[in-house]
Amino acid sequence: MLQPRRRDPQAIPGSPFRIGCSRDRHRSIGPSRSRGGAWLLLRGYPAAGDAARAREAAAGAMAAPSPGPSEILAPSPEAGRRAAASSSGHRGLLWRLRDKQCRLGLFEIGPGHELHQVMCLMQAGLWAATQVSMDHPPTGFELGTLAGPAFARLRRSLGLAEEDYQAALGPGRPYLQFLSTSKSKASFFLSHDQRFFLKTLRSREVQALLTHLPRYVHHLQRHPHSLLARLLGVHSLRVARGKKKYFIVMQSVFYPAGRISERYDIKGCEVSRWVEPAPEGSLLVLVLKDLNFQGKTINLGPQRSWFLRQMELDTAFLRELNVLDYSLLMAFQRLHEDERGPGSSLIFRTARSIRGAQSAEESGAQNRRLLPDAPNALHIVDGPEHRYFLGLVDLTTVYGLRKRLEQLWKTLRYPGRTFSTVSPACYARRLCQWAEAHTE
């Protein structure tokens, strides 16, 4: 655990900040977050001349568990920028053009963008969260990491090295924004390599997530090949004395995105589930919805039975949590000729797929499968002709009084039609039925 260095404010003339270590865990969103250890709070509000430095540095060192002694992290955000610049300098023009081609519809959040300051704070804060120690903690903001040890264990279970996590999310290259078809007021970000997805959350969503975190971890232990999105961290951010913002970091389901041709967000209903497609020939990246998928199926071949069973297991778990309004993300990527069939160059890592299973019976009970030797293998399922990216996301909406009243209102407004706000049992059953009807 990162331990704050004691400083005497009186010994530093004009010192604008105070460092404190607390287990209060942001009481405003409930006592359930008291688990997970202390977090480092950094307070103090810089003069106007320090604002630029504050935006580029961490507003506070968020106390994630320290990496092991054998791990070597880059020493500073500036080093990360230099490394990124050096790396890009060795890449040719063709690589850069190809990189932009793959990101049409995604936009770099540069200076002048309305989210640029928030992005800089998030990057610097995530960088600080993975530092072993900090000699000169930055000032000007308050940042926190919630349930840090639990999320650190989740990252380790995925084989994600802290230095890779730090390099992808810290300062160096700007995050990407995309054209979201979501009706929520959340802000969405992608790391520049599109490996990690960041989303702002409301306080009640954070409270629900942290309340369910132990059961979420237990479910992933019981079912290591679950379709649930892999959550990697939850953080808070407050600038000056403004309102706290919360954001989550997770693995992107759509990674690597280079050859993906279609993307869908499926809820198994029809009301507000249509997105106007991009014009023919356009390379704009859009996430389509249920009504756009009408008349189509996905051909999973022998993997279909595994997929349907995992959908049952995961939606039953979400039903037990009293959660609804989650989505099945789905994307298509046509396989090359040498990637098809059992004799292809696509190698399956049987050892990785069955690691931890004591017997064939236990492996079957956990609904394991052979994973493709590819990045993000947990969200990739290969059919005879296509590679499919599949994952369940948005796991924080609880079926409480607000949603019950919304269901009543929609029942009156949309008689005879299907909509997303229904009981968790109905929601889970309907999404599984959609999966069975649209796969072969």
Protein backbone atom coordinates (compact mmCIF):
# COMPACT_ATOMS: atom_id res chain seq x y z
CA MET A 1 0.00 0.00 0.00
CA LEU A 2 1.24 3.44 -0.88
CA GLN A 3 2.09 5.27 2.32
CA PRO A 4 1.95 9.07 2.37
CA ARG A 5 5.11 10.84 3.38
CA ARG A 6 4.63 13.03 6.41
CA ARG A 7 5.24 16.68 5.75
CA ASP A 8 5.11 19.63 8.06
CA PRO A 9 3.23 22.41 6.29
CA GLN A 10 4.95 24.98 8.44
CA ALA A 11 8.34 23.75 7.29
CA ILE A 12 7.47 24.54 3.70
CA PRO A 13 6.86 28.25 3.26
CA GLY A 14 3.69 28.95 1.36
CA SER A 15 2.87 25.23 1.14
CA PRO A 16 -0.55 25.06 -0.55
CA PHE A 17 -1.45 21.50 0.33
CA ARG A 18 -2.08 19.03 3.10
CA ILE A 19 -1.81 15.26 2.83
CA GLY A 20 -4.02 12.99 4.87
CA CYS A 21 -4.75 9.27 4.93
CA SER A 22 -8.32 8.28 5.60
CA ARG A 23 -10.64 5.29 5.59
CA ASP A 24 -13.72 7.47 5.24
CA ARG A 25 -14.16 6.17 1.68
CA HIS A 26 -16.36 8.99 0.44
CA ARG A 27 -19.26 8.68 2.84
CA SER A 28 -21.60 10.41 0.42
CA ILE A 29 -22.16 7.20 -1.51
CA GLY A 30 -22.64 4.85 1.41
CA PRO A 31 -20.80 2.88 4.04
CA SER A 32 -20.45 -0.24 1.89
CA ARG A 33 -17.16 1.08 0.52
CA SER A 34 -15.37 0.91 3.83
CA ARG A 35 -13.73 -2.29 2.63
CA GLY A 36 -10.65 -2.12 0.48
CA GLY A 37 -8.08 -0.28 2.53
CA ALA A 38 -7.07 3.32 2.87
CA TRP A 39 -6.81 5.84 0.10
CA LEU A 40 -4.49 8.77 -0.17
CA LEU A 41 -6.15 12.16 -0.18
CA LEU A 42 -4.36 15.22 -1.45
CA ARG A 43 -5.85 18.61 -0.88
CA GLY A 44 -4.92 22.15 -1.78
CA TYR A 45 -5.83 24.51 -4.53
CA PRO A 46 -3.04 26.05 -6.60
CA ALA A 47 -2.71 29.55 -7.81
CA ALA A 48 -3.74 30.28 -11.36
CA GLY A 49 -0.17 30.00 -12.57
CA ASP A 50 -0.03 26.40 -11.34
CA ALA A 51 -3.19 25.27 -13.12
CA ALA A 52 -1.42 23.92 -16.19
CA ARG A 53 0.97 21.89 -14.05
CA ALA A 54 -1.90 20.62 -11.97
CA ARG A 55 -3.76 19.41 -15.04
CA GLU A 56 -0.72 17.45 -16.17
CA ALA A 57 0.09 15.92 -12.82
CA ALA A 58 -1.94 13.74 -10.51
CA ALA A 59 -4.34 15.60 -8.33
CA GLY A 60 -3.61 13.02 -5.67
CA ALA A 61 -1.90 9.68 -5.36
CA MET A 62 -4.66 7.08 -5.39
CA ALA A 63 -3.71 4.19 -3.18
CA ALA A 64 -3.77 1.07 -5.28
CA PRO A 65 -1.67 -1.81 -3.95
CA SER A 66 1.98 -1.38 -4.76
CA PRO A 67 3.40 -3.56 -7.53
CA GLY A 68 5.85 -6.25 -6.60
CA PRO A 69 9.53 -5.44 -6.25
CA SER A 70 10.35 -7.09 -9.57
CA GLU A 71 8.09 -4.68 -11.48
CA ILE A 72 9.68 -1.51 -12.80
CA LEU A 73 7.39 1.38 -13.61
CA ALA A 74 8.19 4.42 -15.68
CA PRO A 75 9.41 7.12 -13.32
CA SER A 76 7.11 9.98 -14.31
CA PRO A 77 4.38 11.15 -16.68
CA GLU A 78 7.04 13.07 -18.59
CA ALA A 79 8.95 9.83 -19.13
CA GLY A 80 5.78 8.28 -20.47
CA ARG A 81 5.36 11.11 -22.94
CA ARG A 82 8.97 10.79 -24.06
CA ALA A 83 8.58 7.04 -24.47
CA ALA A 84 5.43 7.50 -26.53
CA ALA A 85 7.08 10.14 -28.68
CA SER A 86 10.14 7.96 -29.20
CA SER A 87 7.99 4.98 -30.09
CA SER A 88 5.91 6.94 -32.56
CA GLY A 89 9.08 8.31 -34.13
CA HIS A 90 10.08 4.80 -35.15
CA ARG A 91 6.76 4.10 -36.79
CA GLY A 92 6.49 4.79 -40.45
CA LEU A 93 3.95 6.88 -42.33
CA LEU A 94 2.12 3.74 -43.46
CA TRP A 95 1.59 2.64 -39.84
CA ARG A 96 0.21 6.04 -38.86
CA LEU A 97 -2.17 6.14 -41.81
CA ARG A 98 -3.37 2.64 -40.98
CA ASP A 99 -3.86 3.66 -37.35
CA LYS A 100 -6.06 6.59 -38.41
CA GLN A 101 -7.97 4.39 -40.86
CA CYS A 102 -8.86 2.03 -38.00
CA ARG A 103 -10.08 4.91 -35.86
CA LEU A 104 -12.47 6.71 -38.19
CA GLY A 105 -15.37 7.77 -36.03
CA LEU A 106 -13.07 8.02 -33.01
CA PHE A 107 -11.69 11.41 -32.07
CA GLU A 108 -8.59 12.33 -30.12
CA ILE A 109 -9.40 14.51 -27.13
CA GLY A 110 -6.99 17.34 -27.75
CA PRO A 111 -6.63 20.86 -26.32
CA GLY A 112 -9.83 22.81 -26.76
CA HIS A 113 -12.04 19.73 -26.43
CA GLU A 114 -14.66 20.09 -23.69
CA LEU A 115 -13.37 16.91 -22.00
CA HIS A 116 -9.66 17.69 -22.32
CA GLN A 117 -9.15 18.92 -18.76
CA VAL A 118 -11.05 15.95 -17.30
CA MET A 119 -8.99 13.61 -19.48
CA CYS A 120 -5.72 15.13 -18.25
CA LEU A 121 -6.79 14.68 -14.64
CA MET A 122 -7.86 11.09 -15.23
CA GLN A 123 -4.59 10.25 -16.96
CA ALA A 124 -2.43 11.85 -14.29
CA GLY A 125 -4.46 10.31 -11.49
CA LEU A 126 -4.28 6.81 -12.95
CA TRP A 127 -0.55 7.27 -13.40
CA ALA A 128 -0.17 8.24 -9.75
CA ALA A 129 -2.30 5.29 -8.65
CA THR A 130 0.30 2.84 -9.94
CA GLN A 131 3.38 4.54 -8.51
CA VAL A 132 5.31 2.80 -5.77
CA SER A 133 6.08 6.15 -4.15
CA MET A 134 5.92 9.83 -4.98
CA ASP A 135 8.54 12.33 -3.85
CA HIS A 136 6.54 15.36 -4.99
CA PRO A 137 2.82 14.70 -4.80
CA PRO A 138 0.89 17.09 -7.04
CA THR A 139 -1.69 19.49 -5.71
CA GLY A 140 -4.92 21.12 -6.70
CA PHE A 141 -7.49 18.33 -6.74
CA GLU A 142 -8.86 15.38 -4.81
CA LEU A 143 -8.70 11.90 -6.30
CA GLY A 144 -9.48 8.53 -4.77
CA THR A 145 -9.31 4.90 -5.71
CA LEU A 146 -12.15 2.73 -4.44
CA ALA A 147 -11.71 -0.94 -3.48
CA GLY A 148 -8.17 -0.73 -4.83
CA PRO A 149 -6.88 -4.11 -3.58
CA ALA A 150 -9.84 -5.99 -5.06
CA PHE A 151 -9.39 -4.43 -8.49
CA ALA A 152 -5.62 -4.95 -8.37
CA ARG A 153 -6.26 -8.67 -7.81
CA LEU A 154 -8.65 -8.69 -10.75
CA ARG A 155 -6.00 -7.12 -12.97
CA ARG A 156 -3.44 -9.69 -11.87
CA SER A 157 -5.88 -12.53 -12.54
CA LEU A 158 -6.10 -11.32 -16.14
CA GLY A 159 -2.32 -11.32 -16.50
CA LEU A 160 -2.33 -7.53 -16.83
CA ALA A 161 1.00 -6.07 -15.75
CA GLU A 162 0.77 -2.83 -13.78
CA GLU A 163 3.33 -1.14 -16.03
CA ASP A 164 1.20 -1.92 -19.12
CA TYR A 165 -1.91 -0.63 -17.38
CA GLN A 166 -0.05 2.51 -16.34
CA ALA A 167 1.43 3.14 -19.78
CA ALA A 168 -1.89 2.76 -21.60
CA LEU A 169 -3.92 4.99 -19.26
CA GLY A 170 -1.37 7.55 -18.07
CA PRO A 171 -0.16 10.72 -19.81
CA GLY A 172 1.56 10.20 -23.12
CA ARG A 173 -1.11 9.85 -25.77
CA PRO A 174 -4.62 11.35 -25.63
CA TYR A 175 -7.72 9.29 -24.95
CA LEU A 176 -10.23 8.78 -27.75
CA GLN A 177 -13.87 9.79 -27.79
CA PHE A 178 -16.42 8.08 -29.99
CA LEU A 179 -19.94 8.81 -31.21
CA SER A 180 -22.00 7.10 -28.52
CA THR A 181 -25.60 6.08 -29.19
CA SER A 182 -26.29 5.87 -25.44
CA LYS A 183 -29.01 8.12 -24.03
CA SER A 184 -27.25 8.46 -20.69
CA LYS A 185 -25.33 11.60 -19.80
CA ALA A 186 -22.15 9.64 -19.15
CA SER A 187 -18.86 10.52 -20.84
CA PHE A 188 -17.06 7.71 -22.66
CA PHE A 189 -13.34 7.36 -23.31
CA LEU A 190 -11.02 4.82 -24.88
CA SER A 191 -7.31 4.55 -24.22
CA HIS A 192 -5.34 5.45 -27.35
CA ASP A 193 -4.66 1.78 -28.14
CA GLN A 194 -8.42 1.08 -27.62
CA ARG A 195 -7.65 -1.63 -25.07
CA PHE A 196 -9.32 0.06 -22.09
CA PHE A 197 -12.72 1.70 -21.81
CA LEU A 198 -13.49 4.46 -19.31
CA LYS A 199 -16.95 5.72 -18.41
CA THR A 200 -18.22 8.26 -15.91
CA LEU A 201 -20.78 6.96 -13.40
CA ARG A 202 -23.35 8.44 -11.05
CA SER A 203 -22.81 8.00 -7.33
CA ARG A 204 -25.70 5.53 -6.98
CA GLU A 205 -24.19 3.40 -9.76
CA VAL A 206 -20.86 3.36 -7.96
CA GLN A 207 -22.57 2.41 -4.73
CA ALA A 208 -24.35 -0.50 -6.43
CA LEU A 209 -21.14 -1.66 -8.09
CA LEU A 210 -19.12 -1.67 -4.88
CA THR A 211 -21.93 -3.36 -2.96
CA HIS A 212 -21.94 -6.19 -5.50
CA LEU A 213 -18.16 -6.34 -5.96
CA PRO A 214 -17.50 -9.38 -3.68
CA ARG A 215 -20.18 -11.40 -5.46
CA TYR A 216 -18.90 -10.25 -8.85
CA VAL A 217 -15.40 -11.47 -7.98
CA HIS A 218 -16.80 -14.77 -6.70
CA HIS A 219 -18.78 -15.27 -9.92
CA LEU A 220 -15.67 -14.75 -12.05
CA GLN A 221 -13.79 -17.27 -9.89
CA ARG A 222 -16.55 -19.84 -10.38
CA HIS A 223 -16.88 -19.08 -14.10
CA PRO A 224 -13.49 -17.87 -15.40
CA HIS A 225 -14.78 -17.59 -18.98
CA SER A 226 -17.77 -15.45 -18.07
CA LEU A 227 -19.03 -12.92 -20.61
CA LEU A 228 -19.25 -10.19 -17.95
CA ALA A 229 -17.09 -7.16 -18.68
CA ARG A 230 -13.83 -7.23 -16.70
CA LEU A 231 -13.79 -4.25 -14.36
CA LEU A 232 -10.30 -2.92 -13.60
CA GLY A 233 -10.81 0.08 -11.31
CA VAL A 234 -13.21 2.65 -9.90
CA HIS A 235 -12.01 6.15 -9.09
CA SER A 236 -13.30 9.52 -7.89
CA LEU A 237 -12.20 12.96 -9.00
CA ARG A 238 -13.03 16.43 -7.66
CA VAL A 239 -11.62 19.66 -9.00
CA ALA A 240 -11.35 22.49 -6.47
CA ARG A 241 -14.57 22.41 -4.45
CA GLY A 242 -16.72 21.21 -7.28
CA LYS A 243 -18.90 18.12 -7.44
CA LYS A 244 -17.20 14.74 -7.32
CA LYS A 245 -17.06 12.74 -10.51
CA TYR A 246 -16.73 8.97 -10.55
CA PHE A 247 -15.39 6.87 -13.36
CA ILE A 248 -14.77 3.21 -14.05
CA VAL A 249 -12.04 1.49 -16.05
CA MET A 250 -12.74 -1.81 -17.81
CA GLN A 251 -11.36 -3.93 -20.60
CA SER A 252 -12.85 -2.96 -23.93
CA VAL A 253 -14.97 -5.76 -25.41
CA PHE A 254 -14.13 -4.52 -28.92
CA TYR A 255 -10.36 -5.07 -28.78
CA PRO A 256 -8.38 -5.37 -31.01
CA ALA A 257 -10.65 -3.36 -33.27
CA GLY A 258 -8.64 -3.27 -36.51
CA ARG A 259 -10.88 -5.46 -38.72
CA ILE A 260 -14.24 -5.15 -36.97
CA SER A 261 -16.97 -4.50 -39.53
CA GLU A 262 -20.16 -4.20 -37.42
CA ARG A 263 -20.89 -3.37 -33.78
CA TYR A 264 -24.13 -3.86 -31.85
CA ASP A 265 -25.54 -3.07 -28.43
CA ILE A 266 -28.33 -5.59 -27.72
CA LYS A 267 -30.94 -5.42 -24.96
CA GLY A 268 -33.56 -7.79 -26.37
CA CYS A 269 -36.33 -5.18 -26.83
CA GLU A 270 -37.63 -2.75 -29.45
CA VAL A 271 -38.48 0.68 -27.99
CA SER A 272 -35.68 3.17 -28.78
CA ARG A 273 -33.54 0.37 -30.19
CA TRP A 274 -32.81 1.75 -33.66
CA VAL A 275 -29.78 3.76 -34.80
CA GLU A 276 -29.66 5.44 -38.18
CA PRO A 277 -26.83 3.62 -40.00
CA ALA A 278 -23.92 5.52 -41.46
CA PRO A 279 -24.25 6.35 -45.17
CA GLU A 280 -23.16 3.61 -47.56
CA GLY A 281 -19.42 3.71 -48.09
CA SER A 282 -18.85 5.67 -44.88
CA LEU A 283 -16.20 4.38 -42.51
CA LEU A 284 -17.78 6.07 -39.50
CA VAL A 285 -17.80 3.84 -36.40
CA LEU A 286 -21.32 3.41 -35.01
CA VAL A 287 -22.72 0.99 -32.45
CA LEU A 288 -26.08 -0.23 -33.79
CA LYS A 289 -28.98 -1.65 -31.79
CA ASP A 290 -31.59 -4.43 -31.74
CA LEU A 291 -33.78 -3.26 -34.60
CA ASN A 292 -30.73 -2.86 -36.84
CA PHE A 293 -30.04 -6.57 -36.33
CA GLN A 294 -33.44 -7.80 -37.49
CA GLY A 295 -33.21 -10.69 -39.95
CA LYS A 296 -29.59 -11.45 -39.06
CA THR A 297 -27.96 -14.27 -37.09
CA ILE A 298 -24.49 -15.07 -35.85
CA ASN A 299 -23.01 -18.44 -36.77
CA LEU A 300 -21.01 -19.75 -33.81
CA GLY A 301 -20.86 -23.35 -35.00
CA PRO A 302 -19.83 -25.73 -32.18
CA GLN A 303 -19.37 -22.76 -29.81
CA ARG A 304 -23.10 -21.99 -29.80
CA SER A 305 -23.94 -24.34 -26.93
CA TRP A 306 -21.17 -22.85 -24.81
CA PHE A 307 -22.38 -19.32 -25.53
CA LEU A 308 -26.03 -20.02 -24.69
CA ARG A 309 -25.05 -21.74 -21.45
CA GLN A 310 -22.79 -18.86 -20.42
CA MET A 311 -25.56 -16.37 -21.16
CA GLU A 312 -27.81 -18.34 -18.81
CA LEU A 313 -25.18 -18.39 -16.06
CA ASP A 314 -24.31 -14.71 -16.33
CA THR A 315 -27.86 -13.38 -16.61
CA ALA A 316 -28.95 -15.59 -13.69
CA PHE A 317 -26.18 -13.99 -11.63
CA LEU A 318 -27.32 -10.49 -12.63
CA ARG A 319 -30.90 -11.42 -11.80
CA GLU A 320 -29.77 -12.42 -8.30
CA LEU A 321 -28.19 -8.98 -7.94
CA ASN A 322 -31.54 -7.39 -8.89
CA VAL A 323 -29.83 -5.72 -11.87
CA LEU A 324 -31.32 -4.89 -15.28
CA ASP A 325 -30.70 -2.71 -18.35
CA TYR A 326 -27.34 -4.31 -19.14
CA SER A 327 -26.34 -4.90 -22.76
CA LEU A 328 -24.84 -7.68 -24.82
CA LEU A 329 -22.13 -6.00 -26.87
CA MET A 330 -21.44 -7.81 -30.11
CA ALA A 331 -19.09 -7.19 -33.04
CA PHE A 332 -18.13 -9.05 -36.23
CA GLN A 333 -14.76 -9.63 -37.83
CA ARG A 334 -14.40 -11.85 -40.89
CA LEU A 335 -11.72 -14.52 -40.47
CA HIS A 336 -8.92 -14.79 -43.01
CA GLU A 337 -8.62 -18.07 -44.87
CA ASP A 338 -5.67 -19.25 -42.77
CA GLU A 339 -7.62 -18.55 -39.55
CA ARG A 340 -10.41 -21.00 -40.32
CA GLY A 341 -10.71 -24.65 -39.42
CA PRO A 342 -8.82 -26.88 -36.97
CA GLY A 343 -5.66 -26.91 -39.10
CA SER A 344 -5.36 -23.15 -39.28
CA SER A 345 -2.60 -21.02 -37.82
CA LEU A 346 -4.96 -20.03 -35.00
CA ILE A 347 -3.51 -21.84 -31.98
CA PHE A 348 -5.66 -22.70 -28.99
CA ARG A 349 -4.07 -22.54 -25.57
CA THR A 350 -5.60 -25.54 -23.89
CA ALA A 351 -3.44 -25.13 -20.78
CA ARG A 352 -4.63 -21.59 -20.24
CA SER A 353 -8.23 -22.56 -20.88
CA ILE A 354 -8.38 -25.27 -18.24
CA ARG A 355 -5.96 -23.82 -15.71
CA GLY A 356 -7.26 -24.32 -12.20
CA ALA A 357 -9.73 -27.07 -13.08
CA GLN A 358 -9.21 -30.28 -11.09
CA SER A 359 -11.20 -32.52 -13.39
CA ALA A 360 -13.21 -32.65 -16.59
CA GLU A 361 -16.39 -32.52 -14.49
CA GLU A 362 -15.27 -29.36 -12.71
CA SER A 363 -14.24 -27.77 -16.00
CA GLY A 364 -17.68 -28.55 -17.40
CA ALA A 365 -19.42 -27.11 -14.34
CA GLN A 366 -17.43 -23.90 -14.81
CA ASN A 367 -18.46 -23.87 -18.49
CA ARG A 368 -14.89 -23.42 -19.70
CA ARG A 369 -13.94 -23.43 -23.35
CA LEU A 370 -10.82 -23.40 -25.46
CA LEU A 371 -9.67 -19.81 -25.72
CA PRO A 372 -8.17 -18.41 -28.93
CA ASP A 373 -4.56 -17.34 -28.73
CA ALA A 374 -5.43 -13.68 -29.17
CA PRO A 375 -5.56 -10.52 -27.12
CA ASN A 376 -8.81 -10.15 -25.17
CA ALA A 377 -9.51 -13.88 -25.62
CA LEU A 378 -12.21 -13.92 -22.92
CA HIS A 379 -14.46 -11.78 -25.14
CA ILE A 380 -13.64 -13.53 -28.43
CA VAL A 381 -15.58 -16.49 -29.86
CA ASP A 382 -14.63 -17.89 -33.27
CA GLY A 383 -17.27 -19.28 -35.59
CA PRO A 384 -16.70 -20.99 -38.95
CA GLU A 385 -16.52 -17.73 -40.92
CA HIS A 386 -16.36 -14.88 -38.41
CA ARG A 387 -14.70 -13.91 -35.18
CA TYR A 388 -17.23 -12.48 -32.72
CA PHE A 389 -16.55 -10.06 -29.87
CA LEU A 390 -19.11 -10.67 -27.11
CA GLY A 391 -19.52 -9.19 -23.64
CA LEU A 392 -22.11 -8.10 -21.09
CA VAL A 393 -21.68 -4.48 -19.97
CA ASP A 394 -23.45 -1.80 -17.87
CA LEU A 395 -23.96 -3.87 -14.73
CA THR A 396 -24.91 -1.10 -12.29
CA THR A 397 -28.64 -0.40 -12.78
CA VAL A 398 -30.64 -1.72 -9.81
CA TYR A 399 -34.36 -2.47 -10.03
CA GLY A 400 -35.45 -0.10 -7.28
CA LEU A 401 -38.39 2.25 -6.85
CA ARG A 402 -37.19 4.59 -9.61
CA LYS A 403 -37.10 1.76 -12.16
CA ARG A 404 -40.42 0.30 -10.99
CA LEU A 405 -42.11 3.65 -11.59
CA GLU A 406 -40.37 3.93 -14.97
CA GLN A 407 -41.67 0.47 -15.89
CA LEU A 408 -45.23 1.52 -15.02
CA TRP A 409 -44.94 4.67 -17.09
CA LYS A 410 -43.55 2.79 -20.13
CA THR A 411 -46.28 0.15 -19.84
CA LEU A 412 -48.86 2.91 -20.25
CA ARG A 413 -46.96 4.70 -23.00
CA TYR A 414 -45.94 1.65 -25.09
CA PRO A 415 -48.78 -0.87 -24.80
CA GLY A 416 -47.96 -4.17 -26.47
CA ARG A 417 -44.33 -3.22 -27.14
CA THR A 418 -41.11 -4.38 -25.48
CA PHE A 419 -38.84 -1.94 -23.66
CA SER A 420 -35.76 -2.20 -21.46
CA THR A 421 -37.27 -1.37 -18.07
CA VAL A 422 -38.75 -4.64 -16.82
CA SER A 423 -38.10 -6.87 -13.82
CA PRO A 424 -34.61 -8.45 -13.63
CA ALA A 425 -36.12 -11.94 -14.11
CA CYS A 426 -37.97 -10.86 -17.26
CA TYR A 427 -34.94 -8.96 -18.54
CA ALA A 428 -32.60 -11.95 -18.12
CA ARG A 429 -35.06 -14.38 -19.71
CA ARG A 430 -35.73 -12.11 -22.67
CA LEU A 431 -32.05 -11.51 -23.43
CA CYS A 432 -31.34 -15.27 -23.32
CA GLN A 433 -34.26 -15.87 -25.68
CA TRP A 434 -32.85 -13.25 -28.04
CA ALA A 435 -29.46 -15.00 -27.99
CA GLU A 436 -31.03 -18.39 -28.76
CA ALA A 437 -33.17 -16.98 -31.60
CA HIS A 438 -30.29 -15.12 -33.27
CA THR A 439 -27.51 -17.72 -33.15
CA GLU A 440 -26.84 -20.85 -35.16
